[in-house]
Amino acid sequence: MAIEFGSRRETFENYKVYETMLAGRPFKVEMGKMCGLSNASAMIRYGETCVLCNVVMSPKPREGVDFFPLNVEYEEKLYAAGRIPGSFMRREGRPGERAILTSRVVDRPMRPLFPKEMRNDVCITMTVMSLDPDCSPEIAGMIGASLVTAVSDIPWNGPIGGVQVGLVDGEIVLNPTQEQRKVSDLALTVAATMDKIVMIEAGANEVDEDTMLNAIKAAHVEIKKIITFINGIVAEIGKPKIEFQSMELDHDLLEDVLIEVRQAIEMANIYSSIISGMMDAFASVISNNLNVIMKVLTSITILLTIPNIFFSFYGMNVANLPLDQFWWFPLALSW
């Protein structure tokens, strides 16, 4: 494929187009023409909906983190619906609630499939270029994100697929249109791998369990077709997965630390038991001999009070008497 850019002719040797059907509507993937600096990129066309999906990864792991730094961004622009911001606010605002929730819906099924010991930054971006209300951009973005990540050289145990399910007049409908969504008794989003369901998000109007189960099964059947389509693309143009610096814990060191911690806890429990026993014994002694102790303290108090009374009677100040001379104490007792 060649495109004229001013005075030069640009050729895209790796440009590929793949087509299939999704819930009765055409689903087309264009790769090899846009975003050449990303690890993988694809323009997803579902009906008249177009979503540009890209994935990139940093070459080195991020330092100082103990989690996988994955960032999933679903971007909605007004131009996708044919509107241009005007008046005072000519710029797009912050992501809307729908965009944030869509990012989370895509993040949840994809994140667990990345290696747990990887710490490289990975960013998946889905930008809605044009919108067809009857063809969900959220589903197109989810499938596109799965496709580009599977094709890229980023380690990932995918792919996944996703569909929406509605219930119109008692009939299960896959990827319902805008009018069907208005009257549907079920709003179900299912994401799955080839073998199992990995995410379900649902809202329903008193739908019984059998109908819900049948809807999930119908969704999984359609998802398997999507994954087969993605696997065919990966087999043709997929990149070899790169080796990454593993940040997995040293299990031998961890076991040694756990042994030391267990021993310290055991010693602390022993010391705690000893101290507790000593405190109980001391409390028992005090309780059993309380009367004797009170008598001794009372006697001491009286003995210390008598000299003060005696010398006060004769006008002498006990505080001025030298402490190393106790000749006055027997005198006070005899008096």
C-alpha atoms as a PDB file:
ATOM      1  CA  MET A   1       0.000   0.000   0.000  1.00  0.00           C
ATOM      2  CA  ALA A   2       1.312   3.469  -0.904  1.00  0.00           C
ATOM      3  CA  ILE A   3       0.149   6.932   0.158  1.00  0.00           C
ATOM      4  CA  GLU A   4       1.279  10.301  -1.210  1.00  0.00           C
ATOM      5  CA  PHE A   5       2.745  12.663   1.405  1.00  0.00           C
ATOM      6  CA  GLY A   6       3.491  15.951  -0.361  1.00  0.00           C
ATOM      7  CA  SER A   7       6.478  15.329  -2.590  1.00  0.00           C
ATOM      8  CA  ARG A   8       7.242  11.795  -1.436  1.00  0.00           C
ATOM      9  CA  ARG A   9       5.513   8.475  -1.809  1.00  0.00           C
ATOM     10  CA  GLU A  10       5.222   6.437   1.413  1.00  0.00           C
ATOM     11  CA  THR A  11       4.931   2.652   1.215  1.00  0.00           C
ATOM     12  CA  PHE A  12       3.618   0.470   4.048  1.00  0.00           C
ATOM     13  CA  GLU A  13       5.048  -2.949   3.378  1.00  0.00           C
ATOM     14  CA  ASN A  14       3.624  -4.472   6.582  1.00  0.00           C
ATOM     15  CA  TYR A  15       0.101  -3.166   6.085  1.00  0.00           C
ATOM     16  CA  LYS A  16      -2.413  -5.949   6.726  1.00  0.00           C
ATOM     17  CA  VAL A  17      -6.204  -6.101   6.832  1.00  0.00           C
ATOM     18  CA  TYR A  18      -8.125  -8.894   8.566  1.00  0.00           C
ATOM     19  CA  GLU A  19     -11.888  -9.262   8.514  1.00  0.00           C
ATOM     20  CA  THR A  20     -14.466 -11.373  10.306  1.00  0.00           C
ATOM     21  CA  MET A  21     -18.052 -11.125  11.557  1.00  0.00           C
ATOM     22  CA  LEU A  22     -18.943 -10.243  15.147  1.00  0.00           C
ATOM     23  CA  ALA A  23     -22.573 -10.687  16.214  1.00  0.00           C
ATOM     24  CA  GLY A  24     -23.702 -10.352  12.622  1.00  0.00           C
ATOM     25  CA  ARG A  25     -21.742  -7.178  11.852  1.00  0.00           C
ATOM     26  CA  PRO A  26     -18.414  -6.746  10.026  1.00  0.00           C
ATOM     27  CA  PHE A  27     -15.324  -6.545  12.207  1.00  0.00           C
ATOM     28  CA  LYS A  28     -12.136  -5.366  10.504  1.00  0.00           C
ATOM     29  CA  VAL A  29      -8.574  -4.983  11.792  1.00  0.00           C
ATOM     30  CA  GLU A  30      -5.958  -2.813  10.064  1.00  0.00           C
ATOM     31  CA  MET A  31      -2.332  -3.191  11.145  1.00  0.00           C
ATOM     32  CA  GLY A  32       1.091  -1.999   9.979  1.00  0.00           C
ATOM     33  CA  LYS A  33       0.234   1.553   8.936  1.00  0.00           C
ATOM     34  CA  MET A  34      -0.149   3.687  12.074  1.00  0.00           C
ATOM     35  CA  CYS A  35       1.821   4.214  15.281  1.00  0.00           C
ATOM     36  CA  GLY A  36       4.984   2.478  14.141  1.00  0.00           C
ATOM     37  CA  LEU A  37       6.881   3.326  17.347  1.00  0.00           C
ATOM     38  CA  SER A  38       4.505   1.367  19.571  1.00  0.00           C
ATOM     39  CA  ASN A  39       5.051  -2.298  20.389  1.00  0.00           C
ATOM     40  CA  ALA A  40       1.880  -3.032  18.425  1.00  0.00           C
ATOM     41  CA  SER A  41      -0.947  -0.977  16.969  1.00  0.00           C
ATOM     42  CA  ALA A  42      -4.256  -1.670  15.213  1.00  0.00           C
ATOM     43  CA  MET A  43      -7.209   0.251  13.886  1.00  0.00           C
ATOM     44  CA  ILE A  44     -10.349  -1.642  14.849  1.00  0.00           C
ATOM     45  CA  ARG A  45     -13.415  -1.072  12.710  1.00  0.00           C
ATOM     46  CA  TYR A  46     -16.685  -2.490  13.985  1.00  0.00           C
ATOM     47  CA  GLY A  47     -19.509  -1.317  11.764  1.00  0.00           C
ATOM     48  CA  GLU A  48     -18.928   2.442  11.561  1.00  0.00           C
ATOM     49  CA  THR A  49     -17.124   2.509  14.924  1.00  0.00           C
ATOM     50  CA  CYS A  50     -13.343   3.009  14.722  1.00  0.00           C
ATOM     51  CA  VAL A  51     -11.031   2.562  17.691  1.00  0.00           C
ATOM     52  CA  LEU A  52      -7.257   3.005  17.510  1.00  0.00           C
ATOM     53  CA  CYS A  53      -5.562   0.572  19.915  1.00  0.00           C
ATOM     54  CA  ASN A  54      -1.906   0.798  20.929  1.00  0.00           C
ATOM     55  CA  VAL A  55       0.318  -0.919  23.494  1.00  0.00           C
ATOM     56  CA  VAL A  56       3.800   0.106  24.624  1.00  0.00           C
ATOM     57  CA  MET A  57       6.212  -1.180  27.275  1.00  0.00           C
ATOM     58  CA  SER A  58       9.229   0.413  28.924  1.00  0.00           C
ATOM     59  CA  PRO A  59      12.583  -1.299  28.232  1.00  0.00           C
ATOM     60  CA  LYS A  60      13.504  -1.484  31.929  1.00  0.00           C
ATOM     61  CA  PRO A  61      11.489  -2.270  35.071  1.00  0.00           C
ATOM     62  CA  ARG A  62      10.359   0.583  37.242  1.00  0.00           C
ATOM     63  CA  GLU A  63      12.380   0.826  40.446  1.00  0.00           C
ATOM     64  CA  GLY A  64      10.858   0.910  43.905  1.00  0.00           C
ATOM     65  CA  VAL A  65       7.509  -0.744  43.131  1.00  0.00           C
ATOM     66  CA  ASP A  66       6.169  -4.109  44.266  1.00  0.00           C
ATOM     67  CA  PHE A  67       3.330  -4.313  41.726  1.00  0.00           C
ATOM     68  CA  PHE A  68       2.909  -4.562  37.966  1.00  0.00           C
ATOM     69  CA  PRO A  69       2.533  -0.976  36.616  1.00  0.00           C
ATOM     70  CA  LEU A  70      -0.164  -1.452  33.978  1.00  0.00           C
ATOM     71  CA  ASN A  71      -2.039   1.594  32.691  1.00  0.00           C
ATOM     72  CA  VAL A  72      -5.201   1.147  30.577  1.00  0.00           C
ATOM     73  CA  GLU A  73      -6.643   4.288  28.992  1.00  0.00           C
ATOM     74  CA  TYR A  74      -9.929   4.518  27.096  1.00  0.00           C
ATOM     75  CA  GLU A  75     -10.156   7.935  25.448  1.00  0.00           C
ATOM     76  CA  GLU A  76     -13.374   9.438  24.162  1.00  0.00           C
ATOM     77  CA  LYS A  77     -13.194  12.571  22.009  1.00  0.00           C
ATOM     78  CA  LEU A  78     -16.121  14.699  20.888  1.00  0.00           C
ATOM     79  CA  TYR A  79     -14.961  14.574  17.265  1.00  0.00           C
ATOM     80  CA  ALA A  80     -15.724  10.825  17.291  1.00  0.00           C
ATOM     81  CA  ALA A  81     -19.424  11.778  17.350  1.00  0.00           C
ATOM     82  CA  GLY A  82     -18.983  14.679  14.916  1.00  0.00           C
ATOM     83  CA  ARG A  83     -18.807  17.440  17.515  1.00  0.00           C
ATOM     84  CA  ILE A  84     -16.065  20.024  17.978  1.00  0.00           C
ATOM     85  CA  PRO A  85     -15.733  21.888  21.332  1.00  0.00           C
ATOM     86  CA  GLY A  86     -16.527  25.560  20.892  1.00  0.00           C
ATOM     87  CA  SER A  87     -17.368  28.711  22.808  1.00  0.00           C
ATOM     88  CA  PHE A  88     -15.124  29.375  25.825  1.00  0.00           C
ATOM     89  CA  MET A  89     -14.036  25.749  26.434  1.00  0.00           C
ATOM     90  CA  ARG A  90     -12.328  24.610  23.245  1.00  0.00           C
ATOM     91  CA  ARG A  91     -10.418  21.719  24.776  1.00  0.00           C
ATOM     92  CA  GLU A  92     -11.518  18.264  25.820  1.00  0.00           C
ATOM     93  CA  GLY A  93     -12.110  17.858  29.531  1.00  0.00           C
ATOM     94  CA  ARG A  94     -11.139  15.086  31.909  1.00  0.00           C
ATOM     95  CA  PRO A  95     -12.236  11.493  31.122  1.00  0.00           C
ATOM     96  CA  GLY A  96     -15.921  10.944  31.688  1.00  0.00           C
ATOM     97  CA  GLU A  97     -17.429   8.338  33.985  1.00  0.00           C
ATOM     98  CA  ARG A  98     -18.119   6.009  31.066  1.00  0.00           C
ATOM     99  CA  ALA A  99     -14.507   6.234  29.873  1.00  0.00           C
ATOM    100  CA  ILE A 100     -13.173   5.461  33.354  1.00  0.00           C
ATOM    101  CA  LEU A 101     -15.488   2.471  33.777  1.00  0.00           C
ATOM    102  CA  THR A 102     -14.558   1.150  30.319  1.00  0.00           C
ATOM    103  CA  SER A 103     -10.865   1.364  31.205  1.00  0.00           C
ATOM    104  CA  ARG A 104     -11.551  -0.706  34.305  1.00  0.00           C
ATOM    105  CA  VAL A 105     -13.602  -3.257  32.353  1.00  0.00           C
ATOM    106  CA  VAL A 106     -10.655  -3.785  29.997  1.00  0.00           C
ATOM    107  CA  ASP A 107      -8.077  -3.755  32.813  1.00  0.00           C
ATOM    108  CA  ARG A 108      -9.742  -6.424  34.948  1.00  0.00           C
ATOM    109  CA  PRO A 109      -9.599  -9.367  32.514  1.00  0.00           C
ATOM    110  CA  MET A 110      -6.183  -8.453  31.069  1.00  0.00           C
ATOM    111  CA  ARG A 111      -4.107  -7.667  34.170  1.00  0.00           C
ATOM    112  CA  PRO A 112      -4.019 -11.201  35.686  1.00  0.00           C
ATOM    113  CA  LEU A 113      -2.627 -12.616  32.427  1.00  0.00           C
ATOM    114  CA  PHE A 114       0.621 -10.636  32.646  1.00  0.00           C
ATOM    115  CA  PRO A 115       3.596 -12.238  34.474  1.00  0.00           C
ATOM    116  CA  LYS A 116       3.390 -11.449  38.182  1.00  0.00           C
ATOM    117  CA  GLU A 117       7.144 -10.896  38.440  1.00  0.00           C
ATOM    118  CA  MET A 118       7.251  -8.247  35.672  1.00  0.00           C
ATOM    119  CA  ARG A 119       7.708  -4.585  36.710  1.00  0.00           C
ATOM    120  CA  ASN A 120       8.044  -2.917  33.295  1.00  0.00           C
ATOM    121  CA  ASP A 121       5.554  -0.124  32.643  1.00  0.00           C
ATOM    122  CA  VAL A 122       2.891  -1.182  30.156  1.00  0.00           C
ATOM    123  CA  CYS A 123       0.381   1.270  28.702  1.00  0.00           C
ATOM    124  CA  ILE A 124      -2.637   0.222  26.646  1.00  0.00           C
ATOM    125  CA  THR A 125      -4.488   3.076  24.933  1.00  0.00           C
ATOM    126  CA  MET A 126      -7.840   2.852  23.134  1.00  0.00           C
ATOM    127  CA  THR A 127      -8.826   6.040  21.297  1.00  0.00           C
ATOM    128  CA  VAL A 128     -12.298   6.268  19.780  1.00  0.00           C
ATOM    129  CA  MET A 129     -11.899   7.817  16.323  1.00  0.00           C
ATOM    130  CA  SER A 130     -15.507   7.551  15.169  1.00  0.00           C
ATOM    131  CA  LEU A 131     -18.677   6.283  16.807  1.00  0.00           C
ATOM    132  CA  ASP A 132     -21.506   4.108  15.593  1.00  0.00           C
ATOM    133  CA  PRO A 133     -24.101   3.938  18.412  1.00  0.00           C
ATOM    134  CA  ASP A 134     -25.158   0.449  17.290  1.00  0.00           C
ATOM    135  CA  CYS A 135     -21.612  -0.978  17.500  1.00  0.00           C
ATOM    136  CA  SER A 136     -20.140  -0.712  20.970  1.00  0.00           C
ATOM    137  CA  PRO A 137     -16.744   1.065  21.051  1.00  0.00           C
ATOM    138  CA  GLU A 138     -16.098  -0.524  24.459  1.00  0.00           C
ATOM    139  CA  ILE A 139     -16.205  -4.045  22.999  1.00  0.00           C
ATOM    140  CA  ALA A 140     -14.175  -2.969  19.969  1.00  0.00           C
ATOM    141  CA  GLY A 141     -11.600  -1.433  22.335  1.00  0.00           C
ATOM    142  CA  MET A 142     -11.408  -4.531  24.531  1.00  0.00           C
ATOM    143  CA  ILE A 143     -10.891  -6.854  21.570  1.00  0.00           C
ATOM    144  CA  GLY A 144      -8.410  -4.424  20.031  1.00  0.00           C
ATOM    145  CA  ALA A 145      -6.419  -4.153  23.275  1.00  0.00           C
ATOM    146  CA  SER A 146      -6.274  -7.936  23.501  1.00  0.00           C
ATOM    147  CA  LEU A 147      -5.230  -8.213  19.849  1.00  0.00           C
ATOM    148  CA  VAL A 148      -2.357  -5.694  19.955  1.00  0.00           C
ATOM    149  CA  THR A 149      -1.022  -7.096  23.225  1.00  0.00           C
ATOM    150  CA  ALA A 150      -1.085 -10.636  21.842  1.00  0.00           C
ATOM    151  CA  VAL A 151       0.623  -9.582  18.594  1.00  0.00           C
ATOM    152  CA  SER A 152       3.261  -7.462  20.370  1.00  0.00           C
ATOM    153  CA  ASP A 153       6.516  -8.678  21.915  1.00  0.00           C
ATOM    154  CA  ILE A 154       5.180  -8.005  25.425  1.00  0.00           C
ATOM    155  CA  PRO A 155       4.901 -11.164  27.578  1.00  0.00           C
ATOM    156  CA  TRP A 156       1.220 -11.934  28.056  1.00  0.00           C
ATOM    157  CA  ASN A 157      -0.816 -15.115  28.478  1.00  0.00           C
ATOM    158  CA  GLY A 158      -3.764 -13.975  26.365  1.00  0.00           C
ATOM    159  CA  PRO A 159      -5.684 -13.401  24.244  1.00  0.00           C
ATOM    160  CA  ILE A 160      -9.130 -12.623  25.612  1.00  0.00           C
ATOM    161  CA  GLY A 161     -12.354 -11.601  23.941  1.00  0.00           C
ATOM    162  CA  GLY A 162     -15.455  -9.778  25.083  1.00  0.00           C
ATOM    163  CA  VAL A 163     -19.087  -9.253  24.091  1.00  0.00           C
ATOM    164  CA  GLN A 164     -22.181  -7.556  25.444  1.00  0.00           C
ATOM    165  CA  VAL A 165     -25.388  -9.509  25.913  1.00  0.00           C
ATOM    166  CA  GLY A 166     -28.938  -8.205  26.034  1.00  0.00           C
ATOM    167  CA  LEU A 167     -32.359  -9.766  26.578  1.00  0.00           C
ATOM    168  CA  VAL A 168     -35.017  -8.368  24.238  1.00  0.00           C
ATOM    169  CA  ASP A 169     -38.526  -9.872  24.301  1.00  0.00           C
ATOM    170  CA  GLY A 170     -37.141 -12.942  26.044  1.00  0.00           C
ATOM    171  CA  GLU A 171     -34.485 -13.515  23.356  1.00  0.00           C
ATOM    172  CA  ILE A 172     -30.741 -13.370  24.000  1.00  0.00           C
ATOM    173  CA  VAL A 173     -29.085 -10.748  21.783  1.00  0.00           C
ATOM    174  CA  LEU A 174     -25.295 -10.419  21.362  1.00  0.00           C
ATOM    175  CA  ASN A 175     -23.925  -6.864  21.134  1.00  0.00           C
ATOM    176  CA  PRO A 176     -27.403  -5.269  21.065  1.00  0.00           C
ATOM    177  CA  THR A 177     -27.970  -2.083  19.075  1.00  0.00           C
ATOM    178  CA  GLN A 178     -28.793   1.242  20.699  1.00  0.00           C
ATOM    179  CA  GLU A 179     -32.555   0.703  20.348  1.00  0.00           C
ATOM    180  CA  GLN A 180     -32.300  -2.842  21.674  1.00  0.00           C
ATOM    181  CA  ARG A 181     -30.314  -1.670  24.724  1.00  0.00           C
ATOM    182  CA  LYS A 182     -33.130   0.744  25.621  1.00  0.00           C
ATOM    183  CA  VAL A 183     -35.691  -2.077  25.950  1.00  0.00           C
ATOM    184  CA  SER A 184     -33.349  -4.852  27.114  1.00  0.00           C
ATOM    185  CA  ASP A 185     -33.954  -6.555  30.458  1.00  0.00           C
ATOM    186  CA  LEU A 186     -30.289  -7.524  30.700  1.00  0.00           C
ATOM    187  CA  ALA A 187     -27.054  -5.534  30.420  1.00  0.00           C
ATOM    188  CA  LEU A 188     -24.295  -8.136  30.547  1.00  0.00           C
ATOM    189  CA  THR A 189     -20.623  -7.784  29.620  1.00  0.00           C
ATOM    190  CA  VAL A 190     -18.566 -10.976  29.467  1.00  0.00           C
ATOM    191  CA  ALA A 191     -14.806 -11.340  28.963  1.00  0.00           C
ATOM    192  CA  ALA A 192     -13.206 -14.757  28.577  1.00  0.00           C
ATOM    193  CA  THR A 193     -10.267 -16.761  27.338  1.00  0.00           C
ATOM    194  CA  MET A 194     -10.646 -19.814  25.155  1.00  0.00           C
ATOM    195  CA  ASP A 195     -11.077 -22.017  28.237  1.00  0.00           C
ATOM    196  CA  LYS A 196     -12.895 -20.013  30.890  1.00  0.00           C
ATOM    197  CA  ILE A 197     -14.827 -16.883  31.813  1.00  0.00           C
ATOM    198  CA  VAL A 198     -12.555 -14.289  33.419  1.00  0.00           C
ATOM    199  CA  MET A 199     -14.926 -11.354  34.016  1.00  0.00           C
ATOM    200  CA  ILE A 200     -18.653 -10.713  34.240  1.00  0.00           C
ATOM    201  CA  GLU A 201     -20.339  -7.353  34.709  1.00  0.00           C
ATOM    202  CA  ALA A 202     -24.118  -7.377  34.742  1.00  0.00           C
ATOM    203  CA  GLY A 203     -27.284  -5.508  35.503  1.00  0.00           C
ATOM    204  CA  ALA A 204     -30.699  -7.081  35.043  1.00  0.00           C
ATOM    205  CA  ASN A 205     -34.414  -6.596  35.518  1.00  0.00           C
ATOM    206  CA  GLU A 206     -35.356  -9.722  37.506  1.00  0.00           C
ATOM    207  CA  VAL A 207     -33.781 -12.184  35.075  1.00  0.00           C
ATOM    208  CA  ASP A 208     -33.869 -15.783  36.300  1.00  0.00           C
ATOM    209  CA  GLU A 209     -30.702 -17.823  36.836  1.00  0.00           C
ATOM    210  CA  ASP A 210     -31.204 -20.157  33.865  1.00  0.00           C
ATOM    211  CA  THR A 211     -31.541 -17.231  31.457  1.00  0.00           C
ATOM    212  CA  MET A 212     -28.435 -15.594  32.918  1.00  0.00           C
ATOM    213  CA  LEU A 213     -26.459 -18.828  32.567  1.00  0.00           C
ATOM    214  CA  ASN A 214     -27.609 -19.275  28.976  1.00  0.00           C
ATOM    215  CA  ALA A 215     -26.593 -15.681  28.198  1.00  0.00           C
ATOM    216  CA  ILE A 216     -23.099 -16.287  29.618  1.00  0.00           C
ATOM    217  CA  LYS A 217     -22.743 -19.504  27.618  1.00  0.00           C
ATOM    218  CA  ALA A 218     -23.870 -17.788  24.419  1.00  0.00           C
ATOM    219  CA  ALA A 219     -21.345 -15.023  25.042  1.00  0.00           C
ATOM    220  CA  HIS A 220     -18.536 -17.549  25.529  1.00  0.00           C
ATOM    221  CA  VAL A 221     -19.373 -19.276  22.245  1.00  0.00           C
ATOM    222  CA  GLU A 222     -19.027 -15.953  20.391  1.00  0.00           C
ATOM    223  CA  ILE A 223     -15.849 -15.087  22.322  1.00  0.00           C
ATOM    224  CA  LYS A 224     -14.223 -18.344  21.211  1.00  0.00           C
ATOM    225  CA  LYS A 225     -14.734 -17.252  17.600  1.00  0.00           C
ATOM    226  CA  ILE A 226     -13.064 -13.923  18.363  1.00  0.00           C
ATOM    227  CA  ILE A 227     -10.097 -15.613  20.043  1.00  0.00           C
ATOM    228  CA  THR A 228      -9.702 -17.983  17.093  1.00  0.00           C
ATOM    229  CA  PHE A 229      -9.609 -14.916  14.832  1.00  0.00           C
ATOM    230  CA  ILE A 230      -6.971 -13.240  17.047  1.00  0.00           C
ATOM    231  CA  ASN A 231      -4.857 -16.399  17.226  1.00  0.00           C
ATOM    232  CA  GLY A 232      -4.822 -16.551  13.421  1.00  0.00           C
ATOM    233  CA  ILE A 233      -3.426 -13.004  13.274  1.00  0.00           C
ATOM    234  CA  VAL A 234      -0.839 -13.775  15.968  1.00  0.00           C
ATOM    235  CA  ALA A 235       0.294 -16.870  14.065  1.00  0.00           C
ATOM    236  CA  GLU A 236       0.845 -14.770  10.944  1.00  0.00           C
ATOM    237  CA  ILE A 237       2.433 -11.532  12.207  1.00  0.00           C
ATOM    238  CA  GLY A 238       2.967 -12.063  15.939  1.00  0.00           C
ATOM    239  CA  LYS A 239       6.317 -10.934  17.373  1.00  0.00           C
ATOM    240  CA  PRO A 240       8.493 -13.163  19.591  1.00  0.00           C
ATOM    241  CA  LYS A 241       8.028 -12.348  23.261  1.00  0.00           C
ATOM    242  CA  ILE A 242      10.988 -10.545  24.782  1.00  0.00           C
ATOM    243  CA  GLU A 243      12.910 -11.585  27.868  1.00  0.00           C
ATOM    244  CA  PHE A 244      12.310  -9.273  30.811  1.00  0.00           C
ATOM    245  CA  GLN A 245      14.109  -8.735  34.079  1.00  0.00           C
ATOM    246  CA  SER A 246      12.257 -10.836  36.623  1.00  0.00           C
ATOM    247  CA  MET A 247      11.545  -9.170  39.966  1.00  0.00           C
ATOM    248  CA  GLU A 248      10.396 -12.364  41.630  1.00  0.00           C
ATOM    249  CA  LEU A 249      11.246 -12.771  45.291  1.00  0.00           C
ATOM    250  CA  ASP A 250      14.224 -14.864  46.392  1.00  0.00           C
ATOM    251  CA  HIS A 251      12.249 -17.743  47.926  1.00  0.00           C
ATOM    252  CA  ASP A 252      15.270 -19.152  49.813  1.00  0.00           C
ATOM    253  CA  LEU A 253      15.906 -15.763  51.433  1.00  0.00           C
ATOM    254  CA  LEU A 254      12.207 -15.387  52.181  1.00  0.00           C
ATOM    255  CA  GLU A 255      12.138 -18.801  53.870  1.00  0.00           C
ATOM    256  CA  ASP A 256      15.170 -17.882  56.023  1.00  0.00           C
ATOM    257  CA  VAL A 257      13.485 -14.632  57.067  1.00  0.00           C
ATOM    258  CA  LEU A 258      10.265 -16.482  57.915  1.00  0.00           C
ATOM    259  CA  ILE A 259      12.211 -18.960  60.071  1.00  0.00           C
ATOM    260  CA  GLU A 260      13.867 -16.103  61.995  1.00  0.00           C
ATOM    261  CA  VAL A 261      10.533 -14.367  62.445  1.00  0.00           C
ATOM    262  CA  ARG A 262       8.867 -17.552  63.716  1.00  0.00           C
ATOM    263  CA  GLN A 263      11.678 -18.093  66.229  1.00  0.00           C
ATOM    264  CA  ALA A 264      11.448 -14.496  67.427  1.00  0.00           C
ATOM    265  CA  ILE A 265       7.687 -14.846  67.863  1.00  0.00           C
ATOM    266  CA  GLU A 266       8.114 -18.076  69.833  1.00  0.00           C
ATOM    267  CA  MET A 267      10.698 -16.458  72.158  1.00  0.00           C
ATOM    268  CA  ALA A 268       8.433 -13.444  72.607  1.00  0.00           C
ATOM    269  CA  ASN A 269       5.570 -15.760  73.579  1.00  0.00           C
ATOM    270  CA  ILE A 270       7.817 -17.566  76.092  1.00  0.00           C
ATOM    271  CA  TYR A 271       8.973 -14.301  77.675  1.00  0.00           C
ATOM    272  CA  SER A 272       5.420 -13.048  77.727  1.00  0.00           C
ATOM    273  CA  SER A 273       4.298 -16.193  79.575  1.00  0.00           C
ATOM    274  CA  ILE A 274       7.127 -15.853  82.128  1.00  0.00           C
ATOM    275  CA  ILE A 275       6.402 -12.173  82.775  1.00  0.00           C
ATOM    276  CA  SER A 276       2.685 -12.887  83.019  1.00  0.00           C
ATOM    277  CA  GLY A 277       3.346 -15.648  85.587  1.00  0.00           C
ATOM    278  CA  MET A 278       5.604 -13.366  87.634  1.00  0.00           C
ATOM    279  CA  MET A 279       2.993 -10.615  87.630  1.00  0.00           C
ATOM    280  CA  ASP A 280       0.303 -13.065  88.719  1.00  0.00           C
ATOM    281  CA  ALA A 281       2.529 -14.370  91.533  1.00  0.00           C
ATOM    282  CA  PHE A 282       3.376 -10.844  92.689  1.00  0.00           C
ATOM    283  CA  ALA A 283      -0.289  -9.868  92.644  1.00  0.00           C
ATOM    284  CA  SER A 284      -1.140 -13.015  94.631  1.00  0.00           C
ATOM    285  CA  VAL A 285       1.497 -12.203  97.299  1.00  0.00           C
ATOM    286  CA  ILE A 286       0.273  -8.637  97.580  1.00  0.00           C
ATOM    287  CA  SER A 287      -3.335  -9.794  97.848  1.00  0.00           C
ATOM    288  CA  ASN A 288      -2.632 -12.460 100.504  1.00  0.00           C
ATOM    289  CA  ASN A 289      -0.466 -10.215 102.718  1.00  0.00           C
ATOM    290  CA  LEU A 290      -2.307  -6.936 102.230  1.00  0.00           C
ATOM    291  CA  ASN A 291      -3.286  -6.624 105.904  1.00  0.00           C
ATOM    292  CA  VAL A 292       0.291  -7.211 107.118  1.00  0.00           C
ATOM    293  CA  ILE A 293       1.677  -4.716 104.609  1.00  0.00           C
ATOM    294  CA  MET A 294      -0.854  -2.093 105.672  1.00  0.00           C
ATOM    295  CA  LYS A 295       0.059  -2.604 109.340  1.00  0.00           C
ATOM    296  CA  VAL A 296       3.785  -2.235 108.614  1.00  0.00           C
ATOM    297  CA  LEU A 297       3.216   0.926 106.549  1.00  0.00           C
ATOM    298  CA  THR A 298       0.996   2.345 109.290  1.00  0.00           C
ATOM    299  CA  SER A 299       3.641   1.625 111.944  1.00  0.00           C
ATOM    300  CA  ILE A 300       6.376   3.272 109.882  1.00  0.00           C
ATOM    301  CA  THR A 301       4.205   6.307 109.354  1.00  0.00           C
ATOM    302  CA  ILE A 302       3.554   6.606 113.093  1.00  0.00           C
ATOM    303  CA  LEU A 303       7.248   6.202 113.954  1.00  0.00           C
ATOM    304  CA  LEU A 304       8.229   8.921 111.497  1.00  0.00           C
ATOM    305  CA  THR A 305       5.532  11.234 112.808  1.00  0.00           C
ATOM    306  CA  ILE A 306       6.377  10.936 116.542  1.00  0.00           C
ATOM    307  CA  PRO A 307       9.758  12.803 116.390  1.00  0.00           C
ATOM    308  CA  ASN A 308       8.174  15.672 114.504  1.00  0.00           C
ATOM    309  CA  ILE A 309       5.487  15.979 117.148  1.00  0.00           C
ATOM    310  CA  PHE A 310       8.041  15.717 119.970  1.00  0.00           C
ATOM    311  CA  PHE A 311      10.413  18.383 118.713  1.00  0.00           C
ATOM    312  CA  SER A 312       7.613  20.624 117.595  1.00  0.00           C
ATOM    313  CA  PHE A 313       6.405  20.571 121.183  1.00  0.00           C
ATOM    314  CA  TYR A 314       9.786  21.930 122.332  1.00  0.00           C
ATOM    315  CA  GLY A 315      10.051  24.371 119.413  1.00  0.00           C
ATOM    316  CA  MET A 316      12.688  22.478 117.470  1.00  0.00           C
ATOM    317  CA  ASN A 317      12.653  21.962 113.690  1.00  0.00           C
ATOM    318  CA  VAL A 318      13.332  18.356 112.685  1.00  0.00           C
ATOM    319  CA  ALA A 319      14.365  19.438 109.184  1.00  0.00           C
ATOM    320  CA  ASN A 320      17.391  21.282 110.610  1.00  0.00           C
ATOM    321  CA  LEU A 321      18.692  18.262 112.524  1.00  0.00           C
ATOM    322  CA  PRO A 322      21.638  16.414 110.943  1.00  0.00           C
ATOM    323  CA  LEU A 323      20.530  13.199 109.266  1.00  0.00           C
ATOM    324  CA  ASP A 324      23.580  11.242 110.444  1.00  0.00           C
ATOM    325  CA  GLN A 325      22.725  11.783 114.113  1.00  0.00           C
ATOM    326  CA  PHE A 326      19.895   9.586 115.387  1.00  0.00           C
ATOM    327  CA  TRP A 327      20.292  10.259 119.125  1.00  0.00           C
ATOM    328  CA  TRP A 328      16.927  11.967 119.075  1.00  0.00           C
ATOM    329  CA  PHE A 329      15.011   8.928 117.754  1.00  0.00           C
ATOM    330  CA  PRO A 330      15.295   6.713 120.913  1.00  0.00           C
ATOM    331  CA  LEU A 331      14.523   9.807 122.934  1.00  0.00           C
ATOM    332  CA  ALA A 332      11.356  10.277 120.983  1.00  0.00           C
ATOM    333  CA  LEU A 333      10.381   6.646 121.461  1.00  0.00           C
ATOM    334  CA  SER A 334      11.012   6.712 125.229  1.00  0.00           C
ATOM    335  CA  TRP A 335       9.119   9.925 125.595  1.00  0.00           C
END
